[in-house]
Amino acid sequence: MATIILVSLLSLAGIPPLAGFYGKFYLFVAIIKEGYIWLAFLAIMMSMVSVYYYLIVAKVMFIGEPLEDTPVKTPGSAALVMVVSALVTLVLGVYQEPLTRLVSAVAKAFFGA
């Protein structure tokens, strides 16, 4: 479970090759295209701050001493959902083009761009 949480945290941080990287990348590119370089710089700095806090959580999960020695019982359905979620995060990070095309088509339909 800790590994899946780590994958999710790294995706939130925008670390490649996870899905969160492309979300942040496209956002930063759009901000820079609009001429708000200062805002992109600020967003990148805040992303680096978030990585620090995410890594503190990961450190506690993997290196910290547990409060209890009893293992956490995870139902099979919950474990399946977590594994599928981590795999989708990884697959969309490596092969994001189909989702990017779909999102672009939906945005054009809504905004007529």
N, C-alpha and C. Protein backbone atom coordinates (compact mmCIF):
# COMPACT_ATOMS: atom_id res chain seq x y z
N MET A 1 0.82 -1.19 0.00
CA MET A 1 0.00 0.00 0.00
C MET A 1 0.87 1.26 0.00
N ALA A 2 1.99 1.20 0.71
CA ALA A 2 2.89 2.36 0.76
C ALA A 2 3.46 2.68 -0.62
N THR A 3 3.74 1.64 -1.40
CA THR A 3 4.28 1.86 -2.74
C THR A 3 3.26 2.54 -3.63
N ILE A 4 2.02 2.13 -3.52
CA ILE A 4 0.97 2.75 -4.34
C ILE A 4 0.75 4.20 -3.91
N ILE A 5 0.80 4.46 -2.61
CA ILE A 5 0.69 5.84 -2.14
C ILE A 5 1.87 6.66 -2.64
N LEU A 6 3.07 6.08 -2.65
CA LEU A 6 4.24 6.78 -3.17
C LEU A 6 4.07 7.12 -4.64
N VAL A 7 3.58 6.19 -5.44
CA VAL A 7 3.33 6.45 -6.87
C VAL A 7 2.34 7.60 -7.02
N SER A 8 1.29 7.60 -6.21
CA SER A 8 0.29 8.68 -6.27
C SER A 8 0.89 10.02 -5.86
N LEU A 9 1.71 10.03 -4.82
CA LEU A 9 2.35 11.28 -4.38
C LEU A 9 3.32 11.81 -5.44
N LEU A 10 4.08 10.92 -6.05
CA LEU A 10 5.00 11.36 -7.10
C LEU A 10 4.26 11.88 -8.32
N SER A 11 3.11 11.30 -8.62
CA SER A 11 2.29 11.82 -9.71
C SER A 11 1.76 13.20 -9.37
N LEU A 12 1.29 13.38 -8.14
CA LEU A 12 0.85 14.72 -7.71
C LEU A 12 1.98 15.74 -7.79
N ALA A 13 3.20 15.29 -7.51
CA ALA A 13 4.35 16.18 -7.56
C ALA A 13 4.74 16.53 -8.98
N GLY A 14 4.27 15.74 -9.95
CA GLY A 14 4.61 16.02 -11.34
C GLY A 14 5.91 15.40 -11.77
N ILE A 15 6.24 14.26 -11.23
CA ILE A 15 7.49 13.57 -11.58
C ILE A 15 7.24 12.68 -12.79
N PRO A 16 8.06 12.81 -13.85
CA PRO A 16 7.89 11.90 -14.99
C PRO A 16 8.33 10.50 -14.61
N PRO A 17 7.84 9.46 -15.14
CA PRO A 17 6.88 9.31 -16.24
C PRO A 17 5.46 9.07 -15.75
N LEU A 18 5.01 9.78 -14.76
CA LEU A 18 3.67 9.58 -14.22
C LEU A 18 2.70 10.60 -14.80
N ALA A 19 1.41 10.32 -14.71
CA ALA A 19 0.39 11.14 -15.37
C ALA A 19 0.39 12.59 -14.89
N GLY A 20 0.69 12.83 -13.64
CA GLY A 20 0.68 14.19 -13.12
C GLY A 20 1.70 15.11 -13.78
N PHE A 21 2.77 14.53 -14.32
CA PHE A 21 3.78 15.34 -14.99
C PHE A 21 3.19 16.09 -16.18
N TYR A 22 2.41 15.39 -17.00
CA TYR A 22 1.88 16.03 -18.21
C TYR A 22 0.82 17.07 -17.88
N GLY A 23 0.04 16.85 -16.83
CA GLY A 23 -0.91 17.88 -16.42
C GLY A 23 -0.21 19.17 -16.04
N LYS A 24 0.82 19.05 -15.24
CA LYS A 24 1.57 20.24 -14.84
C LYS A 24 2.33 20.84 -16.02
N PHE A 25 2.89 19.99 -16.86
CA PHE A 25 3.65 20.48 -18.01
C PHE A 25 2.76 21.31 -18.93
N TYR A 26 1.59 20.77 -19.28
CA TYR A 26 0.68 21.51 -20.17
C TYR A 26 0.19 22.79 -19.51
N LEU A 27 -0.03 22.76 -18.22
CA LEU A 27 -0.45 23.96 -17.51
C LEU A 27 0.64 25.03 -17.55
N PHE A 28 1.88 24.64 -17.27
CA PHE A 28 2.98 25.60 -17.29
C PHE A 28 3.22 26.16 -18.69
N VAL A 29 3.09 25.31 -19.71
CA VAL A 29 3.26 25.78 -21.09
C VAL A 29 2.17 26.79 -21.44
N ALA A 30 0.94 26.52 -21.04
CA ALA A 30 -0.15 27.46 -21.32
C ALA A 30 0.06 28.79 -20.61
N ILE A 31 0.53 28.75 -19.39
CA ILE A 31 0.79 29.98 -18.64
C ILE A 31 1.89 30.79 -19.32
N ILE A 32 2.94 30.12 -19.76
CA ILE A 32 4.05 30.82 -20.42
C ILE A 32 3.60 31.40 -21.76
N LYS A 33 2.78 30.66 -22.52
CA LYS A 33 2.27 31.16 -23.80
C LYS A 33 1.46 32.44 -23.63
N GLU A 34 0.78 32.57 -22.51
CA GLU A 34 -0.01 33.77 -22.25
C GLU A 34 0.85 34.93 -21.75
N GLY A 35 2.14 34.67 -21.53
CA GLY A 35 3.04 35.74 -21.13
C GLY A 35 3.23 35.92 -19.63
N TYR A 36 2.72 35.02 -18.85
CA TYR A 36 2.84 35.10 -17.41
C TYR A 36 4.01 34.26 -16.91
N ILE A 37 5.20 34.63 -17.32
CA ILE A 37 6.38 33.86 -16.96
C ILE A 37 6.59 33.88 -15.45
N TRP A 38 6.31 35.00 -14.82
CA TRP A 38 6.47 35.09 -13.37
C TRP A 38 5.55 34.09 -12.65
N LEU A 39 4.33 33.92 -13.19
CA LEU A 39 3.39 32.99 -12.58
C LEU A 39 3.84 31.54 -12.77
N ALA A 40 4.39 31.24 -13.95
CA ALA A 40 4.92 29.90 -14.19
C ALA A 40 6.10 29.62 -13.25
N PHE A 41 6.95 30.60 -13.08
CA PHE A 41 8.09 30.44 -12.16
C PHE A 41 7.59 30.19 -10.74
N LEU A 42 6.60 30.96 -10.30
CA LEU A 42 6.04 30.78 -8.97
C LEU A 42 5.41 29.39 -8.82
N ALA A 43 4.69 28.94 -9.85
CA ALA A 43 4.05 27.63 -9.80
C ALA A 43 5.09 26.51 -9.74
N ILE A 44 6.17 26.66 -10.47
CA ILE A 44 7.25 25.65 -10.43
C ILE A 44 7.91 25.63 -9.05
N MET A 45 8.12 26.79 -8.47
CA MET A 45 8.70 26.84 -7.12
C MET A 45 7.78 26.18 -6.11
N MET A 46 6.49 26.43 -6.21
CA MET A 46 5.53 25.82 -5.28
C MET A 46 5.44 24.31 -5.51
N SER A 47 5.62 23.87 -6.73
CA SER A 47 5.66 22.43 -7.01
C SER A 47 6.86 21.79 -6.34
N MET A 48 7.97 22.49 -6.33
CA MET A 48 9.15 21.95 -5.65
C MET A 48 8.94 21.89 -4.15
N VAL A 49 8.24 22.86 -3.59
CA VAL A 49 7.91 22.82 -2.17
C VAL A 49 7.02 21.61 -1.88
N SER A 50 6.05 21.37 -2.75
CA SER A 50 5.15 20.22 -2.53
C SER A 50 5.91 18.91 -2.60
N VAL A 51 6.91 18.80 -3.46
CA VAL A 51 7.73 17.58 -3.54
C VAL A 51 8.40 17.32 -2.19
N TYR A 52 8.89 18.36 -1.56
CA TYR A 52 9.52 18.23 -0.25
C TYR A 52 8.56 17.59 0.76
N TYR A 53 7.34 18.10 0.81
CA TYR A 53 6.37 17.58 1.77
C TYR A 53 5.93 16.16 1.41
N TYR A 54 5.79 15.87 0.12
CA TYR A 54 5.43 14.51 -0.29
C TYR A 54 6.53 13.52 0.08
N LEU A 55 7.78 13.94 -0.05
CA LEU A 55 8.88 13.04 0.29
C LEU A 55 8.98 12.82 1.81
N ILE A 56 8.54 13.79 2.60
CA ILE A 56 8.49 13.57 4.05
C ILE A 56 7.50 12.45 4.36
N VAL A 57 6.36 12.46 3.71
CA VAL A 57 5.37 11.40 3.90
C VAL A 57 5.95 10.06 3.48
N ALA A 58 6.63 10.02 2.34
CA ALA A 58 7.24 8.77 1.86
C ALA A 58 8.31 8.28 2.83
N LYS A 59 9.08 9.19 3.36
CA LYS A 59 10.12 8.81 4.32
C LYS A 59 9.51 8.15 5.55
N VAL A 60 8.43 8.73 6.05
CA VAL A 60 7.77 8.16 7.23
C VAL A 60 7.21 6.78 6.90
N MET A 61 6.65 6.63 5.70
CA MET A 61 6.07 5.33 5.33
C MET A 61 7.11 4.24 5.23
N PHE A 62 8.27 4.55 4.68
CA PHE A 62 9.26 3.51 4.40
C PHE A 62 10.35 3.38 5.46
N ILE A 63 10.70 4.48 6.11
CA ILE A 63 11.82 4.45 7.05
C ILE A 63 11.37 4.58 8.50
N GLY A 64 10.27 5.27 8.72
CA GLY A 64 9.80 5.52 10.08
C GLY A 64 9.42 4.26 10.83
N GLU A 65 9.48 4.35 12.13
CA GLU A 65 9.09 3.23 12.99
C GLU A 65 7.57 3.20 13.12
N PRO A 66 6.96 2.04 12.94
CA PRO A 66 5.49 1.96 13.07
C PRO A 66 5.05 2.09 14.52
N LEU A 67 3.86 2.65 14.71
CA LEU A 67 3.30 2.76 16.06
C LEU A 67 2.84 1.40 16.56
N GLU A 68 2.38 0.56 15.65
CA GLU A 68 1.94 -0.79 15.99
C GLU A 68 2.56 -1.76 14.99
N ASP A 69 2.75 -2.99 15.42
CA ASP A 69 3.32 -4.00 14.53
C ASP A 69 2.27 -4.77 13.74
N THR A 70 1.00 -4.49 13.99
CA THR A 70 -0.04 -5.21 13.27
C THR A 70 -0.16 -4.69 11.85
N PRO A 71 -0.18 -5.58 10.86
CA PRO A 71 -0.30 -5.13 9.47
C PRO A 71 -1.69 -4.57 9.19
N VAL A 72 -1.75 -3.65 8.25
CA VAL A 72 -3.02 -3.06 7.84
C VAL A 72 -3.72 -4.06 6.92
N LYS A 73 -4.94 -4.41 7.25
CA LYS A 73 -5.69 -5.36 6.43
C LYS A 73 -6.45 -4.58 5.36
N THR A 74 -6.17 -4.92 4.11
CA THR A 74 -6.82 -4.27 2.99
C THR A 74 -7.71 -5.29 2.29
N PRO A 75 -8.99 -4.98 2.14
CA PRO A 75 -9.86 -5.90 1.41
C PRO A 75 -9.37 -6.07 -0.03
N GLY A 76 -9.65 -7.23 -0.60
CA GLY A 76 -9.18 -7.52 -1.96
C GLY A 76 -9.67 -6.51 -2.98
N SER A 77 -10.93 -6.06 -2.85
CA SER A 77 -11.46 -5.09 -3.82
C SER A 77 -10.73 -3.76 -3.72
N ALA A 78 -10.41 -3.33 -2.51
CA ALA A 78 -9.69 -2.06 -2.32
C ALA A 78 -8.26 -2.19 -2.87
N ALA A 79 -7.63 -3.33 -2.64
CA ALA A 79 -6.28 -3.54 -3.17
C ALA A 79 -6.30 -3.53 -4.69
N LEU A 80 -7.31 -4.14 -5.29
CA LEU A 80 -7.43 -4.15 -6.75
C LEU A 80 -7.59 -2.74 -7.30
N VAL A 81 -8.44 -1.95 -6.66
CA VAL A 81 -8.64 -0.56 -7.10
C VAL A 81 -7.35 0.24 -7.00
N MET A 82 -6.61 0.04 -5.91
CA MET A 82 -5.35 0.78 -5.74
C MET A 82 -4.33 0.38 -6.79
N VAL A 83 -4.20 -0.90 -7.07
CA VAL A 83 -3.24 -1.37 -8.08
C VAL A 83 -3.62 -0.87 -9.46
N VAL A 84 -4.90 -0.96 -9.82
CA VAL A 84 -5.37 -0.47 -11.12
C VAL A 84 -5.12 1.02 -11.24
N SER A 85 -5.38 1.77 -10.17
CA SER A 85 -5.15 3.21 -10.18
C SER A 85 -3.68 3.55 -10.40
N ALA A 86 -2.79 2.83 -9.72
CA ALA A 86 -1.36 3.07 -9.90
C ALA A 86 -0.92 2.71 -11.31
N LEU A 87 -1.45 1.63 -11.86
CA LEU A 87 -1.09 1.24 -13.22
C LEU A 87 -1.59 2.25 -14.25
N VAL A 88 -2.81 2.75 -14.06
CA VAL A 88 -3.35 3.77 -14.98
C VAL A 88 -2.51 5.04 -14.90
N THR A 89 -2.09 5.41 -13.68
CA THR A 89 -1.24 6.59 -13.52
C THR A 89 0.07 6.42 -14.28
N LEU A 90 0.64 5.24 -14.22
CA LEU A 90 1.88 4.98 -14.92
C LEU A 90 1.67 4.92 -16.43
N VAL A 91 0.63 4.22 -16.87
CA VAL A 91 0.37 4.09 -18.31
C VAL A 91 0.06 5.44 -18.93
N LEU A 92 -0.76 6.26 -18.27
CA LEU A 92 -1.07 7.58 -18.81
C LEU A 92 0.15 8.50 -18.79
N GLY A 93 1.09 8.23 -17.93
CA GLY A 93 2.32 9.01 -17.93
C GLY A 93 3.22 8.65 -19.09
N VAL A 94 3.23 7.37 -19.45
CA VAL A 94 4.08 6.91 -20.55
C VAL A 94 3.40 7.12 -21.90
N TYR A 95 2.10 6.88 -21.95
CA TYR A 95 1.37 6.95 -23.21
C TYR A 95 0.14 7.83 -23.02
N GLN A 96 0.35 9.14 -23.00
CA GLN A 96 -0.71 10.09 -22.70
C GLN A 96 -1.45 10.60 -23.93
N GLU A 97 -0.98 10.28 -25.12
CA GLU A 97 -1.56 10.88 -26.33
C GLU A 97 -3.05 10.62 -26.53
N PRO A 98 -3.56 9.40 -26.34
CA PRO A 98 -5.01 9.21 -26.53
C PRO A 98 -5.85 10.09 -25.60
N LEU A 99 -5.46 10.19 -24.35
CA LEU A 99 -6.20 11.03 -23.42
C LEU A 99 -6.06 12.50 -23.79
N THR A 100 -4.88 12.91 -24.25
CA THR A 100 -4.67 14.30 -24.66
C THR A 100 -5.55 14.64 -25.85
N ARG A 101 -5.63 13.73 -26.82
CA ARG A 101 -6.51 13.98 -27.99
C ARG A 101 -7.97 14.08 -27.56
N LEU A 102 -8.40 13.20 -26.67
CA LEU A 102 -9.78 13.22 -26.21
C LEU A 102 -10.10 14.52 -25.48
N VAL A 103 -9.21 14.94 -24.59
CA VAL A 103 -9.43 16.18 -23.84
C VAL A 103 -9.43 17.39 -24.78
N SER A 104 -8.55 17.39 -25.78
CA SER A 104 -8.52 18.50 -26.75
C SER A 104 -9.82 18.56 -27.55
N ALA A 105 -10.34 17.40 -27.95
CA ALA A 105 -11.60 17.37 -28.70
C ALA A 105 -12.76 17.88 -27.86
N VAL A 106 -12.79 17.49 -26.60
CA VAL A 106 -13.86 17.95 -25.70
C VAL A 106 -13.75 19.45 -25.47
N ALA A 107 -12.51 19.95 -25.28
CA ALA A 107 -12.32 21.39 -25.08
C ALA A 107 -12.76 22.17 -26.30
N LYS A 108 -12.44 21.66 -27.50
CA LYS A 108 -12.88 22.35 -28.73
C LYS A 108 -14.39 22.34 -28.85
N ALA A 109 -15.02 21.25 -28.46
CA ALA A 109 -16.48 21.18 -28.52
C ALA A 109 -17.13 22.17 -27.56
N PHE A 110 -16.55 22.32 -26.38
CA PHE A 110 -17.13 23.23 -25.39
C PHE A 110 -16.80 24.70 -25.68
N PHE A 111 -15.58 24.96 -26.04
CA PHE A 111 -15.12 26.35 -26.16
C PHE A 111 -15.00 26.81 -27.59
N GLY A 112 -15.16 25.93 -28.57
CA GLY A 112 -15.12 26.31 -29.97
C GLY A 112 -13.76 26.84 -30.41
N ALA A 113 -12.70 26.37 -29.79
CA ALA A 113 -11.36 26.86 -30.13
C ALA A 113 -10.82 26.21 -31.36
